[in-house]
């Protein structure tokens, strides 16, 4: 609008004493809503909000002849409010709008519009004053609105970005073009079905929530994967695990046909479903010398997809997947707290938390794992195990089989951790139970990725011990390749030789063994 672009991630709708949050990325309201205004919005009117409007880094809420100014960054009503409209908004007194307004919206061009009955006024954002010549009638000044029913008694309005503004009235809404200030053809439309989860006919106020978009810091020269138990030392949530949870939420909202979706990524490991044409599903390598490099590739490209989702939500620019070192002693063998907490800090459902039967009941409740030691695997000195157990697995042609002789690290702790988390496997083919126990379902559990970060980390530690430990140097191993999806959804091919060093080839390292 006037060249000013608006980024909208969420919209709040208020009705009576409750409110809902509409998430743009999810195109709906999360199940935790509605919530109570009084307990969630410090200092704000507890009920019957009539209008709300964004004003810089503040949001103004109106009820009757009073208003509150809400600090977005501090998430609290500023001291000294509510205040009367008349004496505090120049030129408004005497217009009839000092006694209350029906709706308000910032047009993004230095002007805001307030609506009441069949009239409106134009406010100057810089001076907070009403422009001269107002009020004016809605009819005749907003093209296309006449005859829609919206020429009188608008309930609320929001700037949705992309040069569109929405007006709401009763159980319908109107879409306005930001540049021409005219109603788009084909409207009004019903709220129900088009705004999933939003109040259908008793909206008191609505407001798009400002998004602070500071210049992001440059990405780090190398991303660092850190211990999840170290991240959560001061509480359940930290920026990395919260960002991961929110990214999982976003990925789960994408259709399975999208290579960056949660379901598509999980199916690349294995799946009971039918793959879309050309999709590289069901390709994981087990009981093979390809087990470690294939899973390194898999986790690496998944991490890139998650990082892009984190960045789109304004999360940490240096995001890297944490690892779960379940053999570090103390409480480390228990599922990390963010994977047991039922809700996120905003009250929405936590996608990292899965209850029985998707996870074993004891593990889901915080019981520690028992078979987690990598000691036997780390003591092995050969990678390939053709005639005896090797660290990385037996020499084998490329396949997606799950049976055979496992390498030392795959056998323990990889396999034992999977089964302990998943519990008793149901009869396939379905993924409603024991996710981590079934290869076709395992990557649907968000803890899968932290488990495999740790397996990848242990590979680095095995090499760092020396004593003749080394990766294979055979071309049959080094030149083998697989296809993965990157953060744009594009399919890319990568060979084993291209992933032998996380630090120098893939730009990541572990906090306890940098530079490997």
Protein backbone atom coordinates (compact mmCIF):
# COMPACT_ATOMS: atom_id res chain seq x y z
CA UNK A 1 0.00 0.00 0.00
CA UNK A 2 1.81 2.99 -1.22
CA UNK A 3 4.89 0.77 -1.58
CA UNK A 4 4.91 -0.36 2.06
CA UNK A 5 4.90 -4.13 2.32
CA UNK A 6 3.25 -5.80 5.28
CA UNK A 7 4.35 -9.18 6.63
CA UNK A 8 1.55 -10.98 8.43
CA UNK A 9 2.15 -14.20 10.34
CA UNK A 10 -0.82 -14.16 12.68
CA UNK A 11 -4.13 -12.38 13.25
CA UNK A 12 -5.94 -12.13 16.57
CA UNK A 13 -9.75 -12.23 16.66
CA UNK A 14 -11.54 -11.15 19.84
CA UNK A 15 -15.06 -12.03 20.90
CA UNK A 16 -16.56 -11.42 24.33
CA UNK A 17 -13.96 -12.45 26.91
CA UNK A 18 -12.04 -14.78 24.59
CA UNK A 19 -9.76 -14.66 21.58
CA UNK A 20 -8.24 -16.93 18.93
CA UNK A 21 -4.98 -16.68 17.00
CA UNK A 22 -5.15 -17.37 13.28
CA UNK A 23 -1.79 -18.59 11.95
CA UNK A 24 -1.20 -17.64 8.33
CA UNK A 25 1.30 -20.44 7.62
CA UNK A 26 -1.05 -23.06 9.04
CA UNK A 27 -4.15 -21.36 7.55
CA UNK A 28 -6.11 -21.96 10.69
CA UNK A 29 -6.54 -21.61 14.43
CA UNK A 30 -4.60 -24.04 16.63
CA UNK A 31 -6.75 -26.38 18.78
CA UNK A 32 -5.69 -24.74 22.07
CA UNK A 33 -7.84 -21.69 21.28
CA UNK A 34 -10.00 -19.87 22.29
CA UNK A 35 -8.20 -18.57 25.35
CA UNK A 36 -9.18 -16.01 27.99
CA UNK A 37 -8.23 -12.38 27.26
CA UNK A 38 -7.78 -11.38 30.90
CA UNK A 39 -5.21 -14.07 31.67
CA UNK A 40 -3.19 -13.72 28.46
CA UNK A 41 -3.13 -9.98 27.71
CA UNK A 42 -1.74 -8.11 30.76
CA UNK A 43 -3.60 -4.89 31.52
CA UNK A 44 -5.91 -5.05 28.52
CA UNK A 45 -9.70 -4.80 28.57
CA UNK A 46 -10.84 -8.21 29.76
CA UNK A 47 -13.88 -8.40 27.49
CA UNK A 48 -15.95 -6.72 24.78
CA UNK A 49 -13.11 -5.14 22.79
CA UNK A 50 -14.68 -3.16 19.95
CA UNK A 51 -11.75 -2.47 17.62
CA UNK A 52 -7.97 -2.74 17.37
CA UNK A 53 -5.35 -1.23 15.09
CA UNK A 54 -1.58 -1.50 14.59
CA UNK A 55 0.29 1.79 15.13
CA UNK A 56 4.03 1.34 14.65
CA UNK A 57 5.36 -0.89 17.43
CA UNK A 58 2.15 -0.40 19.42
CA UNK A 59 -1.36 -1.75 19.03
CA UNK A 60 -4.38 0.29 20.13
CA UNK A 61 -7.45 -1.47 21.50
CA UNK A 62 -10.77 0.38 21.79
CA UNK A 63 -13.82 -0.26 23.95
CA UNK A 64 -16.57 2.33 24.08
CA UNK A 65 -15.04 5.76 24.59
CA UNK A 66 -11.73 4.39 25.94
CA UNK A 67 -8.60 2.84 24.50
CA UNK A 68 -5.50 0.96 25.67
CA UNK A 69 -2.04 1.13 24.14
CA UNK A 70 -0.33 -2.27 24.01
CA UNK A 71 3.44 -2.69 23.78
CA UNK A 72 4.16 -5.45 21.26
CA UNK A 73 7.77 -6.13 22.29
CA UNK A 74 7.04 -6.22 26.03
CA UNK A 75 3.69 -8.00 25.58
CA UNK A 76 1.94 -5.77 28.11
CA UNK A 77 -0.41 -2.80 28.21
CA UNK A 78 1.51 0.44 28.72
CA UNK A 79 1.12 2.10 32.17
CA UNK A 80 -1.64 4.68 32.59
CA UNK A 81 -4.23 3.05 30.37
CA UNK A 82 -7.11 2.96 29.57
CA UNK A 83 -7.56 6.59 28.55
CA UNK A 84 -10.49 8.47 26.95
CA UNK A 85 -10.44 8.81 23.16
CA UNK A 86 -11.64 12.43 22.91
CA UNK A 87 -8.80 14.38 24.58
CA UNK A 88 -6.00 12.15 23.29
CA UNK A 89 -6.66 11.88 19.54
CA UNK A 90 -6.57 15.40 18.04
CA UNK A 91 -9.60 16.53 16.04
CA UNK A 92 -11.61 13.38 16.86
CA UNK A 93 -13.68 15.08 19.59
CA UNK A 94 -17.00 16.19 18.14
CA UNK A 95 -16.88 13.71 15.26
CA UNK A 96 -18.93 11.11 17.10
CA UNK A 97 -15.98 8.72 17.03
CA UNK A 98 -14.84 9.78 20.49
CA UNK A 99 -17.61 7.63 21.98
CA UNK A 100 -16.51 4.41 20.34
CA UNK A 101 -15.59 2.88 16.99
CA UNK A 102 -16.66 -0.29 15.19
CA UNK A 103 -13.45 -1.11 13.35
CA UNK A 104 -10.01 0.32 12.58
CA UNK A 105 -7.17 -0.55 10.22
CA UNK A 106 -3.77 0.94 9.40
CA UNK A 107 -3.60 1.24 5.61
CA UNK A 108 0.19 1.12 5.49
CA UNK A 109 0.56 4.43 3.64
CA UNK A 110 0.77 6.75 6.63
CA UNK A 111 -2.98 6.73 7.13
CA UNK A 112 -5.36 4.69 9.26
CA UNK A 113 -9.13 4.41 8.90
CA UNK A 114 -11.71 4.22 11.68
CA UNK A 115 -15.24 3.07 10.96
CA UNK A 116 -18.47 3.67 12.85
CA UNK A 117 -21.98 3.02 11.60
CA UNK A 118 -22.12 4.18 7.97
CA UNK A 119 -19.23 6.63 8.33
CA UNK A 120 -15.43 6.62 8.54
CA UNK A 121 -12.61 8.98 9.39
CA UNK A 122 -9.04 9.08 8.12
CA UNK A 123 -6.30 9.36 10.73
CA UNK A 124 -2.77 10.59 10.20
CA UNK A 125 -0.47 7.97 11.69
CA UNK A 126 2.40 10.37 12.41
CA UNK A 127 0.32 12.93 14.33
CA UNK A 128 -2.44 10.58 15.59
CA UNK A 129 -4.94 13.23 14.45
CA UNK A 130 -8.06 13.11 12.26
CA UNK A 131 -7.62 14.63 8.82
CA UNK A 132 -9.85 17.56 7.96
CA UNK A 133 -13.02 16.93 6.00
CA UNK A 134 -14.05 13.84 7.94
CA UNK A 135 -16.25 11.96 8.85
CA UNK A 136 -17.40 10.83 5.41
CA UNK A 137 -19.97 8.21 4.38
CA UNK A 138 -18.67 4.79 3.44
CA UNK A 139 -21.02 4.65 0.47
CA UNK A 140 -19.60 6.58 -2.47
CA UNK A 141 -16.03 6.61 -1.12
CA UNK A 142 -15.16 2.91 -1.16
CA UNK A 143 -15.80 1.54 -4.67
CA UNK A 144 -17.64 -1.75 -4.88
CA UNK A 145 -18.86 -1.69 -1.28
CA UNK A 146 -22.36 -0.36 -2.02
CA UNK A 147 -24.88 -3.18 -2.06
CA UNK A 148 -22.65 -5.63 -0.19
CA UNK A 149 -24.10 -4.87 3.24
CA UNK A 150 -20.73 -3.50 4.36
CA UNK A 151 -21.69 0.12 3.85
CA UNK A 152 -22.87 0.14 7.47
CA UNK A 153 -21.74 -1.50 10.71
CA UNK A 154 -18.37 -3.08 9.91
CA UNK A 155 -17.30 -5.26 12.84
CA UNK A 156 -13.54 -5.16 12.29
CA UNK A 157 -10.81 -4.88 9.64
CA UNK A 158 -7.27 -6.17 9.13
CA UNK A 159 -4.39 -5.48 6.75
CA UNK A 160 -3.41 -8.95 5.54
CA UNK A 161 -0.39 -7.94 3.50
CA UNK A 162 0.07 -8.28 -0.26
CA UNK A 163 -2.02 -5.13 -0.70
CA UNK A 164 -5.19 -6.72 0.66
CA UNK A 165 -7.38 -5.57 3.54
CA UNK A 166 -10.24 -7.63 4.94
CA UNK A 167 -13.44 -6.22 6.43
CA UNK A 168 -15.62 -8.45 8.61
CA UNK A 169 -19.31 -8.11 9.39
CA UNK A 170 -21.56 -10.73 10.97
CA UNK A 171 -20.72 -14.06 9.39
CA UNK A 172 -19.21 -12.62 6.20
CA UNK A 173 -16.10 -10.81 5.04
CA UNK A 174 -15.07 -8.51 2.20
CA UNK A 175 -11.64 -8.33 0.56
CA UNK A 176 -10.44 -4.84 -0.33
CA UNK A 177 -7.70 -3.92 -2.75
CA UNK A 178 -5.09 -1.87 -0.92
CA UNK A 179 -4.09 0.22 -3.90
CA UNK A 180 -7.56 1.19 -5.17
CA UNK A 181 -9.47 0.93 -1.87
CA UNK A 182 -12.17 -0.97 -3.75
CA UNK A 183 -13.93 -4.27 -2.97
CA UNK A 184 -12.61 -7.22 -4.98
CA UNK A 185 -15.11 -9.04 -7.21
CA UNK A 186 -16.80 -12.15 -5.79
CA UNK A 187 -17.23 -10.83 -2.26
CA UNK A 188 -18.69 -10.95 0.41
CA UNK A 189 -17.92 -14.55 1.31
CA UNK A 190 -18.75 -16.51 4.47
CA UNK A 191 -16.18 -16.56 7.27
CA UNK A 192 -16.93 -20.23 7.92
CA UNK A 193 -14.85 -22.42 5.65
CA UNK A 194 -12.55 -19.60 4.58
CA UNK A 195 -11.06 -18.70 7.98
CA UNK A 196 -10.80 -22.12 9.70
CA UNK A 197 -11.39 -21.91 13.43
CA UNK A 198 -12.29 -18.19 13.51
CA UNK A 199 -15.45 -17.04 15.27
CA UNK A 200 -18.22 -17.30 12.72
CA UNK A 201 -20.46 -14.36 13.54
CA UNK A 202 -19.61 -12.60 16.82
CA UNK A 203 -16.21 -11.03 16.14
CA UNK A 204 -15.72 -7.97 18.30
CA UNK A 205 -12.29 -6.93 17.05
CA UNK A 206 -9.46 -8.22 14.89
CA UNK A 207 -5.87 -7.15 14.40
CA UNK A 208 -2.89 -8.38 12.41
CA UNK A 209 0.08 -8.70 14.74
CA UNK A 210 3.21 -6.67 13.94
CA UNK A 211 6.26 -8.70 12.97
CA UNK A 212 9.59 -7.26 13.98
CA UNK A 213 12.07 -7.96 11.18
CA UNK A 214 15.51 -6.70 12.18
CA UNK A 215 18.33 -7.27 9.74
CA UNK A 216 19.32 -10.87 10.33
CA UNK A 217 22.92 -11.55 11.28
CA UNK A 218 25.04 -13.27 8.64
CA UNK A 219 25.02 -17.06 8.84
CA UNK A 220 27.89 -18.52 10.85
CA UNK A 221 30.96 -19.82 9.07
CA UNK A 222 30.08 -23.20 10.52
CA UNK A 223 26.88 -24.44 12.15
CA UNK A 224 27.29 -26.11 15.55
CA UNK A 225 25.18 -29.06 16.64
CA UNK A 226 24.86 -28.94 20.41
CA UNK A 227 23.76 -31.35 23.12
CA UNK A 228 20.01 -31.02 23.67
CA UNK A 229 20.42 -31.65 27.39
CA UNK A 230 22.96 -28.83 27.54
CA UNK A 231 20.57 -26.49 25.73
CA UNK A 232 17.79 -27.26 28.20
CA UNK A 233 19.90 -26.92 31.33
CA UNK A 234 18.05 -23.74 32.37
CA UNK A 235 14.52 -24.84 31.53
CA UNK A 236 12.33 -26.78 29.14
CA UNK A 237 12.65 -24.44 26.18
CA UNK A 238 15.59 -22.66 24.59
CA UNK A 239 15.75 -20.87 21.20
CA UNK A 240 16.99 -23.93 19.30
CA UNK A 241 14.47 -26.49 20.54
CA UNK A 242 11.59 -24.01 20.32
CA UNK A 243 12.62 -23.13 16.77
CA UNK A 244 12.75 -26.85 15.92
CA UNK A 245 9.25 -27.39 17.33
CA UNK A 246 7.85 -24.48 15.33
CA UNK A 247 9.59 -25.69 12.17
CA UNK A 248 8.12 -29.16 12.67
CA UNK A 249 4.68 -27.54 13.03
CA UNK A 250 5.18 -25.74 9.72
CA UNK A 251 6.52 -28.81 7.90
CA UNK A 252 3.62 -30.92 9.16
CA UNK A 253 1.19 -28.41 7.63
CA UNK A 254 2.65 -28.94 4.14
CA UNK A 255 1.13 -31.55 1.78
CA UNK A 256 2.91 -34.88 1.42
CA UNK A 257 3.63 -34.04 -2.22
CA UNK A 258 5.93 -31.20 -1.06
CA UNK A 259 9.53 -32.50 -0.71
CA UNK A 260 10.03 -30.11 2.23
CA UNK A 261 7.05 -31.48 4.13
CA UNK A 262 7.32 -33.61 7.26
CA UNK A 263 5.59 -36.62 5.70
CA UNK A 264 7.68 -36.55 2.51
CA UNK A 265 10.94 -36.32 4.44
CA UNK A 266 9.96 -39.23 6.68
CA UNK A 267 9.01 -41.32 3.66
CA UNK A 268 12.51 -40.93 2.23
CA UNK A 269 13.63 -43.22 5.03
CA UNK A 270 10.80 -45.68 4.44
CA UNK A 271 7.03 -45.61 4.06
CA UNK A 272 3.95 -47.79 3.79
CA UNK A 273 2.49 -45.35 1.26
CA UNK A 274 2.79 -45.01 -2.50
CA UNK A 275 5.49 -42.59 -3.58
CA UNK A 276 4.69 -39.73 -5.97
CA UNK A 277 6.31 -40.15 -9.39
CA UNK A 278 10.05 -39.59 -9.13
CA UNK A 279 10.10 -39.22 -5.34
CA UNK A 280 13.21 -40.79 -3.73
CA UNK A 281 11.27 -42.61 -1.01
CA UNK A 282 12.20 -45.82 0.84
CA UNK A 283 15.93 -45.58 0.26
CA UNK A 284 17.51 -45.81 3.73
CA UNK A 285 20.57 -48.04 4.13
CA UNK A 286 20.83 -50.52 7.00
CA UNK A 287 22.97 -53.58 7.81
CA UNK A 288 25.47 -52.17 5.34
CA UNK A 289 28.67 -50.14 5.09
CA UNK A 290 26.43 -47.39 3.64
CA UNK A 291 24.47 -47.04 6.90
CA UNK A 292 26.54 -44.16 8.30
CA UNK A 293 27.10 -42.05 5.16
CA UNK A 294 23.50 -42.39 3.94
CA UNK A 295 22.08 -41.23 7.27
CA UNK A 296 24.59 -38.36 7.37
CA UNK A 297 23.26 -37.18 4.01
CA UNK A 298 19.68 -37.63 5.14
CA UNK A 299 20.08 -35.64 8.35
CA UNK A 300 22.12 -32.95 6.60
CA UNK A 301 19.46 -32.14 3.98
CA UNK A 302 16.67 -32.41 6.53
CA UNK A 303 18.55 -29.91 8.71
CA UNK A 304 18.74 -27.48 5.79
CA UNK A 305 14.97 -27.73 5.31
CA UNK A 306 14.37 -27.12 9.02
CA UNK A 307 16.80 -24.18 9.03
CA UNK A 308 14.91 -22.55 6.16
CA UNK A 309 11.64 -23.00 8.07
CA UNK A 310 13.24 -21.50 11.19
CA UNK A 311 14.51 -18.51 9.20
CA UNK A 312 11.07 -17.91 7.66
CA UNK A 313 9.66 -17.53 11.17
CA UNK A 314 12.44 -15.17 12.28
CA UNK A 315 14.21 -17.83 14.35
CA UNK A 316 17.93 -18.15 15.10
CA UNK A 317 20.09 -17.67 11.99
CA UNK A 318 22.63 -20.13 13.38
CA UNK A 319 20.12 -22.94 13.90
CA UNK A 320 21.50 -26.46 13.81
CA UNK A 321 19.88 -29.69 14.93
CA UNK A 322 20.77 -30.67 18.49
CA UNK A 323 21.95 -34.17 19.29
CA UNK A 324 20.78 -36.43 22.10
CA UNK A 325 23.70 -38.00 23.93
CA UNK A 326 21.68 -40.55 25.89
CA UNK A 327 24.83 -42.08 27.38
CA UNK A 328 26.17 -38.97 29.12
CA UNK A 329 25.05 -40.03 32.61
CA UNK A 330 22.55 -38.54 35.03
CA UNK A 331 19.19 -37.78 33.47
CA UNK A 332 20.56 -37.81 29.90
CA UNK A 333 19.09 -41.24 29.15
CA UNK A 334 15.58 -39.81 29.54
CA UNK A 335 13.73 -38.24 26.64
CA UNK A 336 14.74 -34.52 26.63
CA UNK A 337 12.13 -32.22 28.26
CA UNK A 338 10.99 -30.48 25.04
CA UNK A 339 9.92 -33.90 23.75
CA UNK A 340 7.70 -34.49 26.79
CA UNK A 341 6.14 -31.05 27.31
CA UNK A 342 2.52 -31.15 26.03
CA UNK A 343 2.38 -27.51 24.88
CA UNK A 344 4.63 -24.82 23.46
CA UNK A 345 5.10 -21.56 25.42
CA UNK A 346 2.25 -19.95 23.46
CA UNK A 347 -0.17 -22.66 24.60
CA UNK A 348 -0.36 -24.50 21.27
CA UNK A 349 0.16 -28.26 21.03
CA UNK A 350 3.81 -29.33 21.05
CA UNK A 351 4.58 -31.39 17.92
CA UNK A 352 7.72 -32.84 19.56
CA UNK A 353 5.67 -34.57 22.25
CA UNK A 354 4.13 -37.94 21.36
CA UNK A 355 2.20 -40.07 23.81
CA UNK A 356 1.74 -43.83 23.96
CA UNK A 357 1.22 -45.80 21.79
CA UNK A 358 3.29 -43.71 19.35
CA UNK A 359 6.11 -43.94 21.90
CA UNK A 360 6.60 -46.47 24.65
CA UNK A 361 4.58 -45.25 27.65
CA UNK A 362 7.49 -45.32 30.10
CA UNK A 363 9.82 -43.40 27.80
CA UNK A 364 7.09 -40.87 26.96
CA UNK A 365 6.66 -40.36 30.71
CA UNK A 366 10.35 -39.70 31.36
CA UNK A 367 11.77 -43.16 32.14
CA UNK A 368 15.42 -43.54 31.20
CA UNK A 369 16.68 -45.79 28.42
CA UNK A 370 18.84 -48.72 29.52
CA UNK A 371 20.81 -49.97 26.50
CA UNK A 372 22.55 -46.85 25.22
CA UNK A 373 26.29 -47.52 25.47
CA UNK A 374 28.51 -47.16 22.41
CA UNK A 375 31.51 -48.64 24.28
CA UNK A 376 31.61 -51.94 22.37
CA UNK A 377 31.26 -50.23 19.01
CA UNK A 378 33.93 -47.64 19.82
CA UNK A 379 36.37 -50.40 20.74
CA UNK A 380 36.23 -51.86 17.21
CA UNK A 381 39.12 -50.86 14.98
CA UNK A 382 37.82 -51.77 11.52
CA UNK A 383 35.01 -50.04 9.65
CA UNK A 384 33.98 -52.95 7.41
CA UNK A 385 32.76 -56.15 9.03
CA UNK A 386 32.88 -58.85 6.37
CA UNK A 387 34.08 -61.77 8.49
CA UNK A 388 33.56 -60.19 11.90
CA UNK A 389 31.62 -57.26 13.27
CA UNK A 390 32.94 -53.93 12.02
CA UNK A 391 32.11 -50.47 13.27
CA UNK A 392 30.27 -49.30 10.14
CA UNK A 393 28.74 -52.52 8.77
CA UNK A 394 29.46 -55.21 6.19
CA UNK A 395 30.44 -54.59 2.56
CA UNK A 396 27.16 -54.75 0.68
CA UNK A 397 25.58 -53.55 -2.54
CA UNK A 398 23.20 -50.60 -2.40
CA UNK A 399 19.75 -51.66 -1.17
CA UNK A 400 16.99 -50.58 1.21
CA UNK A 401 16.86 -53.84 3.19
CA UNK A 402 16.66 -53.84 6.98
CA UNK A 403 17.87 -57.35 7.66
CA UNK A 404 21.34 -58.84 7.82
CA UNK A 405 24.49 -58.31 9.85
CA UNK A 406 24.57 -54.93 11.55
CA UNK A 407 27.69 -52.89 12.13
CA UNK A 408 28.73 -52.34 15.74
CA UNK A 409 27.36 -48.81 16.03
CA UNK A 410 24.12 -49.67 14.26
CA UNK A 411 23.57 -52.65 16.52
CA UNK A 412 24.23 -50.77 19.77
CA UNK A 413 23.14 -48.08 20.50
CA UNK A 414 21.33 -47.27 17.23
CA UNK A 415 18.94 -50.21 17.06
CA UNK A 416 18.40 -50.55 20.80
CA UNK A 417 17.52 -46.87 21.20
CA UNK A 418 15.00 -47.06 18.33
CA UNK A 419 13.20 -50.02 19.86
CA UNK A 420 13.21 -48.65 23.42
CA UNK A 421 11.61 -45.38 22.29
CA UNK A 422 9.06 -47.03 20.02
CA UNK A 423 8.19 -50.00 22.17
CA UNK A 424 6.41 -53.09 20.91
CA UNK A 425 5.78 -52.86 17.20
CA UNK A 426 2.21 -53.29 15.94
CA UNK A 427 1.37 -55.29 12.90
CA UNK A 428 2.13 -53.25 9.76
CA UNK A 429 1.22 -51.52 7.59
CA UNK A 430 0.30 -48.47 9.66
CA UNK A 431 2.07 -45.76 11.63
CA UNK A 432 -0.34 -45.22 14.50
CA UNK A 433 1.83 -46.98 17.06
CA UNK A 434 5.47 -47.59 17.97
CA UNK A 435 6.85 -45.15 15.40
CA UNK A 436 10.54 -45.49 16.20
CA UNK A 437 10.35 -49.30 16.13
CA UNK A 438 9.15 -49.42 12.52
CA UNK A 439 11.53 -48.25 9.75
CA UNK A 440 8.51 -47.14 7.70
CA UNK A 441 7.40 -44.80 10.50
CA UNK A 442 10.54 -43.94 12.50
CA UNK A 443 11.32 -40.56 10.94
CA UNK A 444 7.80 -39.33 11.77
CA UNK A 445 8.96 -39.08 15.40
CA UNK A 446 10.81 -35.77 15.86
CA UNK A 447 13.31 -37.44 18.23
CA UNK A 448 14.53 -39.59 15.30
CA UNK A 449 16.62 -36.71 14.01
CA UNK A 450 18.34 -35.96 17.32
CA UNK A 451 19.08 -39.68 17.72
CA UNK A 452 20.70 -39.78 14.29
CA UNK A 453 22.68 -36.61 14.97
CA UNK A 454 24.19 -38.49 17.90
CA UNK A 455 24.97 -41.55 15.76
CA UNK A 456 26.67 -39.24 13.25
CA UNK A 457 28.60 -37.59 16.09
CA UNK A 458 29.77 -40.99 17.38
CA UNK A 459 31.19 -41.78 13.92
CA UNK A 460 33.39 -38.67 14.28
CA UNK A 461 34.45 -39.74 17.76
CA UNK A 462 35.34 -43.23 16.55
CA UNK A 463 37.66 -41.80 13.88
CA UNK A 464 39.19 -39.34 16.35
CA UNK A 465 40.39 -42.22 18.56
CA UNK A 466 42.99 -43.21 15.95
CA UNK A 467 44.60 -46.59 16.44
CA UNK A 468 44.13 -47.53 12.79
CA UNK A 469 40.48 -46.50 12.65
CA UNK A 470 39.64 -45.17 9.20
CA UNK A 471 36.89 -44.92 6.64
CA UNK A 472 36.95 -47.27 3.64
CA UNK A 473 38.89 -46.08 0.61
CA UNK A 474 37.21 -48.30 -1.97
CA UNK A 475 35.53 -46.65 -4.95
CA UNK A 476 32.45 -48.86 -4.52
CA UNK A 477 31.87 -47.04 -1.21
CA UNK A 478 33.16 -43.56 -2.06
CA UNK A 479 31.38 -43.21 -5.40
CA UNK A 480 27.95 -44.51 -4.39
CA UNK A 481 25.25 -41.79 -4.52
CA UNK A 482 21.67 -41.08 -3.44
CA UNK A 483 19.12 -38.37 -4.12
CA UNK A 484 17.75 -35.98 -1.50
CA UNK A 485 15.58 -32.84 -1.42
CA UNK A 486 17.12 -29.52 -0.41
CA UNK A 487 15.42 -26.59 1.30
CA UNK A 488 13.91 -25.36 -1.99
CA UNK A 489 12.39 -28.76 -2.72
CA UNK A 490 14.89 -29.42 -5.52
CA UNK A 491 16.27 -32.95 -5.81
CA UNK A 492 20.06 -33.23 -5.58
CA UNK A 493 22.45 -36.16 -5.86
CA UNK A 494 25.38 -36.63 -3.47
CA UNK A 495 28.11 -39.25 -3.14
CA UNK A 496 29.73 -40.76 -0.06
CA UNK A 497 33.00 -39.03 -0.93
CA UNK A 498 31.24 -35.66 -0.65
CA UNK A 499 30.14 -36.15 2.96
CA UNK A 500 33.16 -37.62 4.76
CA UNK A 501 33.81 -34.43 6.74
CA UNK A 502 30.89 -32.55 8.24
CA UNK A 503 33.10 -29.58 9.04
CA UNK A 504 34.94 -29.04 5.75
CA UNK A 505 32.38 -30.39 3.28
CA UNK A 506 29.00 -29.78 4.89
CA UNK A 507 29.68 -26.75 7.11
CA UNK A 508 28.66 -28.24 10.48
CA UNK A 509 30.44 -29.57 13.54
CA UNK A 510 29.63 -30.89 17.01
CA UNK A 511 30.20 -28.84 20.14
CA UNK A 512 32.39 -31.51 21.77
CA UNK A 513 34.49 -32.31 18.67
CA UNK A 514 34.84 -29.25 16.40
CA UNK A 515 36.47 -29.30 13.01
CA UNK A 516 35.84 -32.98 12.11
